[in-house]
N, C-alpha and C. Protein backbone atom coordinates (compact mmCIF):
# COMPACT_ATOMS: atom_id res chain seq x y z
N MET A 1 -112.67 102.02 78.56
CA MET A 1 -113.17 102.05 77.19
C MET A 1 -112.21 102.88 76.34
N PRO A 2 -111.76 102.36 75.18
CA PRO A 2 -110.83 103.11 74.33
C PRO A 2 -111.45 104.41 73.88
N GLN A 3 -110.62 105.46 73.82
CA GLN A 3 -111.10 106.77 73.41
C GLN A 3 -111.06 106.88 71.91
N ALA A 4 -112.13 107.43 71.32
CA ALA A 4 -112.20 107.57 69.87
C ALA A 4 -111.19 108.60 69.40
N ASN A 5 -110.66 108.38 68.20
CA ASN A 5 -109.74 109.33 67.60
C ASN A 5 -110.51 110.24 66.65
N PHE A 6 -110.22 111.52 66.69
CA PHE A 6 -110.89 112.47 65.81
C PHE A 6 -109.84 113.15 64.95
N GLU A 7 -110.11 113.19 63.64
CA GLU A 7 -109.22 113.86 62.72
C GLU A 7 -109.72 115.29 62.49
N TYR A 8 -108.83 116.26 62.66
CA TYR A 8 -109.21 117.64 62.42
C TYR A 8 -108.39 118.18 61.27
N ASP A 9 -109.08 118.64 60.22
CA ASP A 9 -108.38 119.23 59.09
C ASP A 9 -107.83 120.58 59.50
N GLU A 10 -106.92 121.11 58.64
CA GLU A 10 -106.29 122.39 58.98
C GLU A 10 -107.31 123.52 59.07
N GLY A 11 -108.45 123.38 58.37
CA GLY A 11 -109.45 124.43 58.43
C GLY A 11 -110.38 124.29 59.62
N GLU A 12 -110.30 123.17 60.35
CA GLU A 12 -111.18 122.91 61.49
C GLU A 12 -110.75 123.73 62.70
N THR A 13 -111.72 124.20 63.48
CA THR A 13 -111.39 125.03 64.65
C THR A 13 -111.86 124.40 65.95
N MET A 14 -112.47 123.22 65.89
CA MET A 14 -113.01 122.61 67.11
C MET A 14 -111.92 121.92 67.92
N LEU A 15 -111.07 122.71 68.50
CA LEU A 15 -110.00 122.19 69.34
C LEU A 15 -110.21 122.68 70.77
N PRO A 16 -109.95 121.85 71.78
CA PRO A 16 -110.17 122.26 73.18
C PRO A 16 -109.02 123.13 73.70
N LEU A 17 -108.81 124.25 73.02
CA LEU A 17 -107.69 125.13 73.35
C LEU A 17 -108.16 126.57 73.49
N SER A 18 -107.54 127.29 74.41
CA SER A 18 -107.73 128.73 74.50
C SER A 18 -106.36 129.38 74.58
N TYR A 19 -106.31 130.64 74.27
CA TYR A 19 -105.03 131.35 74.25
C TYR A 19 -105.11 132.57 75.15
N ASP A 20 -104.11 132.74 76.01
CA ASP A 20 -104.02 133.91 76.88
C ASP A 20 -102.96 134.85 76.31
N PRO A 21 -103.39 135.95 75.68
CA PRO A 21 -102.42 136.85 75.03
C PRO A 21 -101.51 137.58 76.01
N LYS A 22 -101.98 137.77 77.26
CA LYS A 22 -101.15 138.48 78.24
C LYS A 22 -99.88 137.70 78.55
N TYR A 23 -100.01 136.37 78.63
CA TYR A 23 -98.86 135.55 79.01
C TYR A 23 -98.34 134.67 77.87
N ASP A 24 -98.97 134.76 76.69
CA ASP A 24 -98.56 133.99 75.52
C ASP A 24 -98.58 132.48 75.80
N ILE A 25 -99.66 132.03 76.46
CA ILE A 25 -99.79 130.63 76.83
C ILE A 25 -101.04 130.04 76.19
N THR A 26 -100.88 128.86 75.59
CA THR A 26 -102.03 128.12 75.07
C THR A 26 -102.45 127.10 76.13
N VAL A 27 -103.73 127.10 76.46
CA VAL A 27 -104.26 126.27 77.54
C VAL A 27 -105.19 125.20 76.98
N CYS A 28 -105.05 123.97 77.47
CA CYS A 28 -106.01 122.91 77.16
C CYS A 28 -107.19 123.11 78.11
N ILE A 29 -108.36 123.45 77.55
CA ILE A 29 -109.51 123.76 78.40
C ILE A 29 -110.14 122.50 78.98
N ASN A 30 -109.80 121.32 78.45
CA ASN A 30 -110.28 120.07 79.05
C ASN A 30 -109.48 119.73 80.31
N CYS A 31 -108.17 120.01 80.27
CA CYS A 31 -107.29 119.68 81.40
C CYS A 31 -107.03 120.89 82.31
N CYS A 32 -107.43 122.08 81.83
CA CYS A 32 -107.22 123.32 82.60
C CYS A 32 -105.75 123.53 82.93
N ILE A 33 -104.90 123.32 81.94
CA ILE A 33 -103.46 123.45 82.16
C ILE A 33 -102.81 124.01 80.89
N GLY A 34 -101.77 124.83 81.06
CA GLY A 34 -101.03 125.36 79.92
C GLY A 34 -100.20 124.27 79.27
N ILE A 35 -100.14 124.31 77.94
CA ILE A 35 -99.37 123.31 77.19
C ILE A 35 -98.35 124.03 76.32
N PRO A 36 -97.05 123.73 76.47
CA PRO A 36 -96.06 124.32 75.57
C PRO A 36 -96.45 124.02 74.13
N PHE A 37 -96.28 124.99 73.24
CA PHE A 37 -96.79 124.84 71.88
C PHE A 37 -96.29 123.57 71.19
N ASP A 38 -95.01 123.25 71.36
CA ASP A 38 -94.46 122.08 70.68
C ASP A 38 -94.94 120.76 71.28
N TRP A 39 -95.71 120.82 72.36
CA TRP A 39 -96.28 119.61 72.96
C TRP A 39 -97.76 119.46 72.67
N ILE A 40 -98.38 120.47 72.07
CA ILE A 40 -99.84 120.47 71.92
C ILE A 40 -100.33 119.31 71.05
N GLU A 41 -99.70 119.10 69.90
CA GLU A 41 -100.16 118.02 69.02
C GLU A 41 -100.12 116.67 69.75
N GLY A 42 -99.03 116.39 70.44
CA GLY A 42 -98.90 115.13 71.18
C GLY A 42 -99.89 115.05 72.34
N HIS A 43 -100.10 116.17 73.03
CA HIS A 43 -101.05 116.19 74.14
C HIS A 43 -102.47 115.88 73.67
N LEU A 44 -102.89 116.53 72.60
CA LEU A 44 -104.24 116.31 72.09
C LEU A 44 -104.43 114.87 71.60
N LYS A 45 -103.41 114.33 70.95
CA LYS A 45 -103.51 112.96 70.43
C LYS A 45 -103.52 111.95 71.57
N ASP A 46 -102.58 112.08 72.52
CA ASP A 46 -102.43 111.07 73.58
C ASP A 46 -103.51 111.17 74.65
N ASN A 47 -104.00 112.38 74.93
CA ASN A 47 -104.94 112.56 76.03
C ASN A 47 -106.39 112.72 75.60
N HIS A 48 -106.59 113.18 74.35
CA HIS A 48 -107.96 113.45 73.92
C HIS A 48 -108.33 112.80 72.59
N GLY A 49 -107.41 112.00 72.05
CA GLY A 49 -107.69 111.30 70.80
C GLY A 49 -107.90 112.21 69.61
N ILE A 50 -107.28 113.39 69.65
CA ILE A 50 -107.45 114.37 68.58
C ILE A 50 -106.15 114.50 67.80
N ARG A 51 -106.24 114.31 66.49
CA ARG A 51 -105.09 114.51 65.61
C ARG A 51 -105.24 115.84 64.89
N THR A 52 -104.21 116.67 64.99
CA THR A 52 -104.27 117.98 64.36
C THR A 52 -102.87 118.38 63.92
N THR A 53 -102.72 119.60 63.44
CA THR A 53 -101.43 120.09 62.97
C THR A 53 -101.10 121.42 63.63
N ALA A 54 -99.84 121.80 63.56
CA ALA A 54 -99.42 123.08 64.14
C ALA A 54 -100.15 124.24 63.46
N ARG A 55 -100.34 124.11 62.15
CA ARG A 55 -101.03 125.17 61.42
C ARG A 55 -102.47 125.32 61.90
N ALA A 56 -103.16 124.20 62.11
CA ALA A 56 -104.54 124.25 62.60
C ALA A 56 -104.61 124.85 64.00
N ILE A 57 -103.61 124.55 64.81
CA ILE A 57 -103.56 125.10 66.18
C ILE A 57 -103.40 126.62 66.12
N LEU A 58 -102.51 127.09 65.26
CA LEU A 58 -102.30 128.53 65.12
C LEU A 58 -103.57 129.23 64.64
N GLU A 59 -104.27 128.60 63.70
CA GLU A 59 -105.52 129.18 63.21
C GLU A 59 -106.55 129.24 64.34
N HIS A 60 -106.58 128.19 65.14
CA HIS A 60 -107.57 128.15 66.22
C HIS A 60 -107.33 129.22 67.27
N ILE A 61 -106.07 129.44 67.63
CA ILE A 61 -105.76 130.45 68.66
C ILE A 61 -105.56 131.84 68.05
N ALA A 62 -105.73 131.92 66.72
CA ALA A 62 -105.65 133.19 65.99
C ALA A 62 -104.30 133.88 66.18
N GLN A 63 -103.24 133.10 66.02
CA GLN A 63 -101.89 133.64 66.13
C GLN A 63 -101.08 133.28 64.89
N GLU A 64 -100.15 134.15 64.53
CA GLU A 64 -99.32 133.89 63.37
C GLU A 64 -98.06 133.11 63.72
N VAL A 65 -97.65 133.20 64.97
CA VAL A 65 -96.45 132.49 65.41
C VAL A 65 -96.80 131.65 66.64
N PRO A 66 -96.05 130.58 66.90
CA PRO A 66 -96.34 129.71 68.04
C PRO A 66 -96.28 130.45 69.38
N SER A 67 -97.11 130.01 70.30
CA SER A 67 -97.08 130.54 71.67
C SER A 67 -95.89 129.93 72.41
N LEU A 68 -95.80 130.20 73.69
CA LEU A 68 -94.69 129.72 74.52
C LEU A 68 -94.44 128.24 74.31
N ASP A 69 -93.16 127.88 74.05
CA ASP A 69 -92.85 126.46 73.86
C ASP A 69 -92.01 125.92 75.01
N SER A 70 -91.66 124.63 74.93
CA SER A 70 -91.01 123.96 76.06
C SER A 70 -89.62 124.51 76.37
N THR A 71 -88.96 125.16 75.40
CA THR A 71 -87.64 125.73 75.65
C THR A 71 -87.72 127.06 76.41
N GLN A 72 -88.94 127.62 76.50
CA GLN A 72 -89.10 128.93 77.14
C GLN A 72 -89.80 128.86 78.50
N VAL A 73 -90.35 127.69 78.84
CA VAL A 73 -91.18 127.59 80.04
C VAL A 73 -90.39 127.85 81.32
N VAL A 74 -89.20 127.27 81.45
CA VAL A 74 -88.42 127.43 82.68
C VAL A 74 -88.13 128.91 82.95
N GLU A 75 -87.73 129.62 81.91
CA GLU A 75 -87.44 131.05 82.07
C GLU A 75 -88.72 131.82 82.39
N TRP A 76 -89.84 131.44 81.74
CA TRP A 76 -91.11 132.11 82.02
C TRP A 76 -91.51 131.94 83.48
N LEU A 77 -91.38 130.73 84.00
CA LEU A 77 -91.73 130.49 85.40
C LEU A 77 -90.84 131.29 86.34
N ALA A 78 -89.57 131.38 86.02
CA ALA A 78 -88.64 132.15 86.86
C ALA A 78 -89.02 133.63 86.90
N ASP A 79 -89.58 134.13 85.78
CA ASP A 79 -89.94 135.54 85.68
C ASP A 79 -91.36 135.83 86.15
N HIS A 80 -92.14 134.77 86.42
CA HIS A 80 -93.55 134.97 86.78
C HIS A 80 -93.92 134.16 88.03
N LEU A 81 -93.12 134.29 89.08
CA LEU A 81 -93.44 133.60 90.32
C LEU A 81 -94.66 134.21 91.00
N THR A 82 -94.92 135.48 90.69
CA THR A 82 -96.18 136.11 91.09
C THR A 82 -96.73 136.82 89.86
N ILE A 83 -98.05 136.76 89.68
CA ILE A 83 -98.68 137.43 88.55
C ILE A 83 -99.87 138.25 89.06
N PRO A 84 -100.14 139.40 88.42
CA PRO A 84 -101.22 140.28 88.90
C PRO A 84 -102.61 139.84 88.43
N ILE A 85 -102.65 139.08 87.33
CA ILE A 85 -103.92 138.63 86.75
C ILE A 85 -103.81 137.14 86.46
N ALA A 86 -104.85 136.39 86.79
CA ALA A 86 -104.82 134.94 86.61
C ALA A 86 -104.74 134.57 85.13
N ILE A 87 -104.11 133.43 84.86
CA ILE A 87 -104.06 132.89 83.51
C ILE A 87 -105.45 132.36 83.14
N ILE A 88 -105.92 132.72 81.96
CA ILE A 88 -107.26 132.33 81.51
C ILE A 88 -107.39 130.80 81.46
N GLN A 89 -108.49 130.29 82.01
CA GLN A 89 -108.87 128.87 81.97
C GLN A 89 -108.04 127.97 82.90
N VAL A 90 -107.11 128.55 83.66
CA VAL A 90 -106.36 127.77 84.64
C VAL A 90 -106.94 128.07 86.02
N PRO A 91 -107.36 127.05 86.78
CA PRO A 91 -108.03 127.30 88.06
C PRO A 91 -107.14 128.02 89.07
N ILE A 92 -107.77 128.89 89.86
CA ILE A 92 -107.12 129.51 91.01
C ILE A 92 -107.53 128.70 92.23
N ILE A 93 -106.56 128.30 93.04
CA ILE A 93 -106.88 127.54 94.25
C ILE A 93 -106.25 128.22 95.46
N LYS A 94 -106.79 127.92 96.64
CA LYS A 94 -106.22 128.44 97.88
C LYS A 94 -104.99 127.59 98.23
N GLY A 95 -103.87 128.28 98.44
CA GLY A 95 -102.65 127.56 98.76
C GLY A 95 -101.85 128.29 99.82
N PHE A 96 -100.57 127.97 99.89
CA PHE A 96 -99.71 128.52 100.93
C PHE A 96 -98.37 128.95 100.35
N GLY A 97 -97.74 129.93 101.00
CA GLY A 97 -96.46 130.41 100.53
C GLY A 97 -95.51 130.68 101.69
N CYS A 98 -94.24 130.77 101.36
CA CYS A 98 -93.21 131.10 102.34
C CYS A 98 -93.06 132.61 102.41
N SER A 99 -92.96 133.15 103.63
CA SER A 99 -92.86 134.60 103.79
C SER A 99 -91.48 135.15 103.41
N LEU A 100 -90.48 134.28 103.30
CA LEU A 100 -89.13 134.75 103.01
C LEU A 100 -88.70 134.57 101.56
N CYS A 101 -89.47 133.81 100.79
CA CYS A 101 -89.11 133.62 99.39
C CYS A 101 -90.38 133.32 98.59
N LEU A 102 -90.22 133.09 97.30
CA LEU A 102 -91.37 132.90 96.42
C LEU A 102 -91.61 131.41 96.16
N TYR A 103 -91.76 130.66 97.24
CA TYR A 103 -92.07 129.23 97.13
C TYR A 103 -93.52 129.02 97.54
N TYR A 104 -94.27 128.28 96.71
CA TYR A 104 -95.70 128.08 96.96
C TYR A 104 -96.07 126.61 96.81
N SER A 105 -97.13 126.23 97.50
CA SER A 105 -97.64 124.86 97.42
C SER A 105 -99.11 124.87 97.79
N LYS A 106 -99.82 123.82 97.37
CA LYS A 106 -101.22 123.72 97.78
C LYS A 106 -101.35 123.05 99.15
N LYS A 107 -100.22 122.54 99.69
CA LYS A 107 -100.23 121.87 100.99
C LYS A 107 -99.40 122.66 102.01
N ARG A 108 -100.00 122.89 103.16
CA ARG A 108 -99.30 123.61 104.23
C ARG A 108 -98.03 122.86 104.67
N GLN A 109 -98.09 121.54 104.72
CA GLN A 109 -96.96 120.75 105.18
C GLN A 109 -95.76 120.91 104.26
N SER A 110 -96.01 121.09 102.98
CA SER A 110 -94.90 121.31 102.04
C SER A 110 -94.14 122.58 102.36
N ILE A 111 -94.88 123.62 102.78
CA ILE A 111 -94.21 124.88 103.16
C ILE A 111 -93.45 124.70 104.46
N ARG A 112 -94.03 123.94 105.42
CA ARG A 112 -93.32 123.66 106.66
C ARG A 112 -91.98 122.97 106.36
N ASN A 113 -92.03 121.97 105.49
CA ASN A 113 -90.81 121.24 105.13
C ASN A 113 -89.80 122.16 104.44
N HIS A 114 -90.31 123.02 103.57
CA HIS A 114 -89.45 123.97 102.86
C HIS A 114 -88.74 124.90 103.85
N ILE A 115 -89.50 125.47 104.79
CA ILE A 115 -88.93 126.39 105.77
C ILE A 115 -87.89 125.69 106.64
N SER A 116 -88.20 124.45 107.04
CA SER A 116 -87.27 123.68 107.86
C SER A 116 -85.96 123.41 107.12
N THR A 117 -86.06 123.21 105.81
CA THR A 117 -84.87 122.87 105.01
C THR A 117 -84.10 124.11 104.56
N LYS A 118 -84.83 125.12 104.07
CA LYS A 118 -84.20 126.28 103.45
C LYS A 118 -84.00 127.46 104.39
N HIS A 119 -84.83 127.59 105.42
CA HIS A 119 -84.77 128.78 106.26
C HIS A 119 -84.70 128.44 107.75
N ARG A 120 -84.04 127.35 108.07
CA ARG A 120 -83.94 126.93 109.47
C ARG A 120 -83.29 128.04 110.32
N GLY A 121 -83.93 128.35 111.45
CA GLY A 121 -83.40 129.37 112.35
C GLY A 121 -83.76 130.79 111.96
N MET A 122 -84.48 130.95 110.85
CA MET A 122 -84.87 132.29 110.40
C MET A 122 -86.33 132.54 110.73
N ASP A 123 -86.71 133.80 110.68
CA ASP A 123 -88.07 134.20 111.07
C ASP A 123 -89.01 134.04 109.88
N ALA A 124 -89.27 132.80 109.49
CA ALA A 124 -90.13 132.50 108.34
C ALA A 124 -91.51 132.06 108.82
N THR A 125 -92.53 132.48 108.12
CA THR A 125 -93.89 132.09 108.44
C THR A 125 -94.59 131.58 107.19
N ILE A 126 -95.73 130.92 107.41
CA ILE A 126 -96.55 130.42 106.31
C ILE A 126 -97.68 131.40 106.05
N LYS A 127 -97.85 131.80 104.82
CA LYS A 127 -98.93 132.72 104.47
C LYS A 127 -99.92 132.02 103.53
N GLU A 128 -101.18 132.41 103.63
CA GLU A 128 -102.21 131.88 102.74
C GLU A 128 -102.29 132.75 101.50
N VAL A 129 -102.28 132.11 100.34
CA VAL A 129 -102.26 132.84 99.07
C VAL A 129 -103.15 132.15 98.04
N ASP A 130 -103.48 132.88 96.98
CA ASP A 130 -104.14 132.29 95.81
C ASP A 130 -103.05 131.85 94.85
N ILE A 131 -103.14 130.62 94.36
CA ILE A 131 -102.10 130.10 93.48
C ILE A 131 -102.70 129.46 92.23
N GLN A 132 -101.87 129.35 91.20
CA GLN A 132 -102.19 128.62 89.98
C GLN A 132 -101.04 127.71 89.63
N ARG A 133 -101.34 126.63 88.93
CA ARG A 133 -100.29 125.78 88.37
C ARG A 133 -100.40 125.91 86.86
N PRO A 134 -99.55 126.76 86.26
CA PRO A 134 -99.67 127.04 84.82
C PRO A 134 -99.43 125.83 83.92
N PHE A 135 -98.49 124.97 84.32
CA PHE A 135 -98.11 123.83 83.48
C PHE A 135 -98.06 122.55 84.31
N GLY A 136 -98.03 121.43 83.64
CA GLY A 136 -97.91 120.15 84.31
C GLY A 136 -96.62 119.45 83.93
N GLY A 137 -96.54 118.16 84.23
CA GLY A 137 -95.37 117.37 83.84
C GLY A 137 -94.08 117.89 84.43
N TRP A 138 -93.08 118.01 83.59
CA TRP A 138 -91.75 118.47 84.03
C TRP A 138 -91.80 119.89 84.60
N PHE A 139 -92.80 120.66 84.20
CA PHE A 139 -92.85 122.07 84.58
C PHE A 139 -93.88 122.34 85.66
N LYS A 140 -94.21 121.32 86.44
CA LYS A 140 -95.21 121.48 87.49
C LYS A 140 -94.66 122.39 88.58
N LYS A 141 -95.27 123.56 88.72
CA LYS A 141 -94.82 124.54 89.71
C LYS A 141 -95.97 125.50 89.98
N TYR A 142 -96.15 125.86 91.25
CA TYR A 142 -97.21 126.79 91.60
C TYR A 142 -96.66 128.22 91.63
N ILE A 143 -97.51 129.16 91.20
CA ILE A 143 -97.16 130.57 91.26
C ILE A 143 -98.30 131.30 91.97
N GLU A 144 -98.01 132.49 92.50
CA GLU A 144 -99.02 133.24 93.22
C GLU A 144 -99.76 134.20 92.30
N VAL A 145 -101.07 134.25 92.48
CA VAL A 145 -101.88 135.25 91.78
C VAL A 145 -102.19 136.34 92.79
N ARG A 146 -101.60 137.49 92.59
CA ARG A 146 -101.73 138.60 93.53
C ARG A 146 -102.28 139.80 92.78
N GLU A 147 -103.58 140.00 92.85
CA GLU A 147 -104.21 141.11 92.15
C GLU A 147 -103.72 142.43 92.73
N VAL A 148 -103.36 143.34 91.83
CA VAL A 148 -102.80 144.62 92.24
C VAL A 148 -103.90 145.67 92.23
N THR A 149 -104.14 146.27 93.39
CA THR A 149 -105.13 147.34 93.52
C THR A 149 -104.42 148.69 93.48
N GLU A 150 -105.20 149.76 93.40
CA GLU A 150 -104.61 151.10 93.42
C GLU A 150 -103.87 151.35 94.73
N ALA A 151 -104.42 150.83 95.83
CA ALA A 151 -103.77 150.98 97.13
C ALA A 151 -102.42 150.26 97.15
N ASP A 152 -102.39 149.08 96.50
CA ASP A 152 -101.13 148.33 96.42
C ASP A 152 -100.08 149.12 95.66
N MET A 153 -100.51 149.76 94.56
CA MET A 153 -99.57 150.53 93.74
C MET A 153 -99.01 151.72 94.52
N ILE A 154 -99.88 152.38 95.31
CA ILE A 154 -99.43 153.51 96.12
C ILE A 154 -98.44 153.03 97.19
N GLU A 155 -98.78 151.89 97.83
CA GLU A 155 -97.89 151.34 98.85
C GLU A 155 -96.55 150.92 98.26
N GLU A 156 -96.60 150.34 97.04
CA GLU A 156 -95.36 149.90 96.38
C GLU A 156 -94.46 151.09 96.06
N GLU A 157 -95.06 152.19 95.57
CA GLU A 157 -94.28 153.38 95.26
C GLU A 157 -93.66 153.97 96.52
N ALA A 158 -94.42 153.97 97.63
CA ALA A 158 -93.91 154.49 98.89
C ALA A 158 -92.74 153.64 99.39
N TRP A 159 -92.87 152.30 99.25
CA TRP A 159 -91.80 151.39 99.66
C TRP A 159 -90.57 151.57 98.80
N LYS A 160 -90.79 151.78 97.50
CA LYS A 160 -89.66 152.00 96.59
C LYS A 160 -88.91 153.28 96.97
N ASP A 161 -89.67 154.35 97.26
CA ASP A 161 -89.04 155.61 97.67
C ASP A 161 -88.25 155.43 98.97
N GLU A 162 -88.82 154.66 99.91
CA GLU A 162 -88.15 154.42 101.18
C GLU A 162 -86.86 153.63 100.98
N LEU A 163 -86.90 152.63 100.10
CA LEU A 163 -85.68 151.85 99.82
C LEU A 163 -84.60 152.74 99.22
N ASN A 164 -84.98 153.57 98.26
CA ASN A 164 -84.01 154.46 97.64
C ASN A 164 -83.42 155.42 98.68
N ARG A 165 -84.26 155.93 99.57
CA ARG A 165 -83.79 156.84 100.61
C ARG A 165 -82.78 156.16 101.53
N ARG A 166 -83.12 154.92 101.95
CA ARG A 166 -82.22 154.17 102.83
C ARG A 166 -80.90 153.86 102.16
N PHE A 167 -80.97 153.50 100.90
CA PHE A 167 -79.75 153.14 100.16
C PHE A 167 -78.85 154.36 99.98
N GLU A 168 -79.47 155.49 99.58
CA GLU A 168 -78.69 156.71 99.38
C GLU A 168 -78.10 157.20 100.70
N ASN A 169 -78.84 157.07 101.79
CA ASN A 169 -78.36 157.48 103.10
C ASN A 169 -77.17 156.63 103.53
N ALA A 170 -77.24 155.33 103.28
CA ALA A 170 -76.13 154.43 103.62
C ALA A 170 -74.89 154.80 102.82
N LEU A 171 -75.09 155.18 101.56
CA LEU A 171 -73.95 155.58 100.72
C LEU A 171 -73.32 156.88 101.22
N ARG A 172 -74.16 157.82 101.67
CA ARG A 172 -73.64 159.08 102.21
C ARG A 172 -72.81 158.85 103.47
N ILE A 173 -73.32 157.97 104.33
CA ILE A 173 -72.58 157.66 105.57
C ILE A 173 -71.24 157.02 105.23
N ASP A 174 -71.24 156.15 104.21
CA ASP A 174 -70.02 155.47 103.81
C ASP A 174 -68.99 156.47 103.29
N SER A 175 -69.45 157.45 102.49
CA SER A 175 -68.52 158.41 101.89
C SER A 175 -67.99 159.43 102.89
N SER A 176 -68.73 159.61 104.01
CA SER A 176 -68.30 160.59 105.02
C SER A 176 -67.49 159.97 106.14
N GLY A 177 -67.16 158.70 106.02
CA GLY A 177 -66.39 158.04 107.06
C GLY A 177 -67.30 157.42 108.09
N GLY A 178 -66.77 157.10 109.27
CA GLY A 178 -67.57 156.46 110.31
C GLY A 178 -67.08 155.05 110.56
N ASN A 179 -67.77 154.37 111.42
CA ASN A 179 -67.39 153.00 111.78
C ASN A 179 -67.57 152.09 110.57
N PRO A 180 -66.48 151.52 110.01
CA PRO A 180 -66.58 150.69 108.81
C PRO A 180 -67.50 149.50 109.00
N GLU A 181 -67.46 148.90 110.20
CA GLU A 181 -68.27 147.71 110.43
C GLU A 181 -69.76 148.05 110.39
N THR A 182 -70.13 149.16 111.07
CA THR A 182 -71.53 149.59 111.07
C THR A 182 -71.98 150.02 109.68
N THR A 183 -71.10 150.73 108.99
CA THR A 183 -71.42 151.19 107.63
C THR A 183 -71.63 150.03 106.69
N ASP A 184 -70.75 149.03 106.78
CA ASP A 184 -70.88 147.86 105.92
C ASP A 184 -72.23 147.17 106.14
N MET A 185 -72.64 147.07 107.40
CA MET A 185 -73.91 146.41 107.71
C MET A 185 -75.09 147.21 107.15
N ARG A 186 -75.02 148.57 107.28
CA ARG A 186 -76.09 149.40 106.73
C ARG A 186 -76.18 149.22 105.21
N LEU A 187 -75.03 149.27 104.57
CA LEU A 187 -75.00 149.10 103.12
C LEU A 187 -75.54 147.74 102.70
N MET A 188 -75.14 146.71 103.42
CA MET A 188 -75.58 145.35 103.10
C MET A 188 -77.10 145.24 103.23
N ASN A 189 -77.64 145.72 104.34
CA ASN A 189 -79.08 145.64 104.56
C ASN A 189 -79.85 146.42 103.51
N ALA A 190 -79.37 147.62 103.20
CA ALA A 190 -80.05 148.44 102.20
C ALA A 190 -79.98 147.80 100.83
N PHE A 191 -78.81 147.24 100.51
CA PHE A 191 -78.63 146.60 99.21
C PHE A 191 -79.52 145.37 99.07
N ILE A 192 -79.57 144.54 100.12
CA ILE A 192 -80.41 143.33 100.08
C ILE A 192 -81.88 143.72 99.88
N ALA A 193 -82.33 144.73 100.61
CA ALA A 193 -83.72 145.17 100.48
C ALA A 193 -84.00 145.67 99.07
N LYS A 194 -83.05 146.40 98.50
CA LYS A 194 -83.22 146.96 97.15
C LYS A 194 -83.27 145.84 96.12
N VAL A 195 -82.38 144.85 96.25
CA VAL A 195 -82.35 143.72 95.32
C VAL A 195 -83.64 142.92 95.42
N ARG A 196 -84.11 142.67 96.63
CA ARG A 196 -85.36 141.91 96.82
C ARG A 196 -86.51 142.63 96.15
N TYR A 197 -86.54 143.95 96.26
CA TYR A 197 -87.63 144.72 95.66
C TYR A 197 -87.59 144.58 94.14
N VAL A 198 -86.41 144.73 93.55
CA VAL A 198 -86.27 144.66 92.09
C VAL A 198 -86.68 143.30 91.59
N ARG A 199 -86.29 142.23 92.28
CA ARG A 199 -86.62 140.87 91.83
C ARG A 199 -88.11 140.61 91.89
N LEU A 200 -88.78 141.21 92.88
CA LEU A 200 -90.21 141.01 93.00
C LEU A 200 -90.96 141.84 91.96
């Protein structure tokens, strides 16, 4: 059955949209998915038969400037592979992740295939995680929702201190001489651990 078209004036606020100020994402509450701002008008028209304007959308989400658009999504996903708080109106589902990198999927087999391809011969395991898919279409990608508790923060600070200690110790050994091969390995391991921590 053809879907009816609805015209919304600029003063109208009845749009199926919500805005998450923490992540600057506008979400279609009918589809439960984030929509880049420059795609919202087309999404509402093509999927929900709603014609509106950018100005009406801004009024509805109570913002003076557009939320995240399609030119910013790739960078946003790269910077938010794990998030401490779920995106509003986007479902959290039980999924799976790779223990050696930040790759997630709702299917266990996808992680098995990933490990076989990317981490063959390495000590990689599959972990169960809570995930969200912030966007669809070209930007379909799962990210982990990992709520941070006070205990997590204490553990993270302790791990950070330990990494700094290991790195500084490796540098001291290097400056005082010793077996170059062993020193290089210590430095490499400490550096890799430090870089992994910063990226996470």
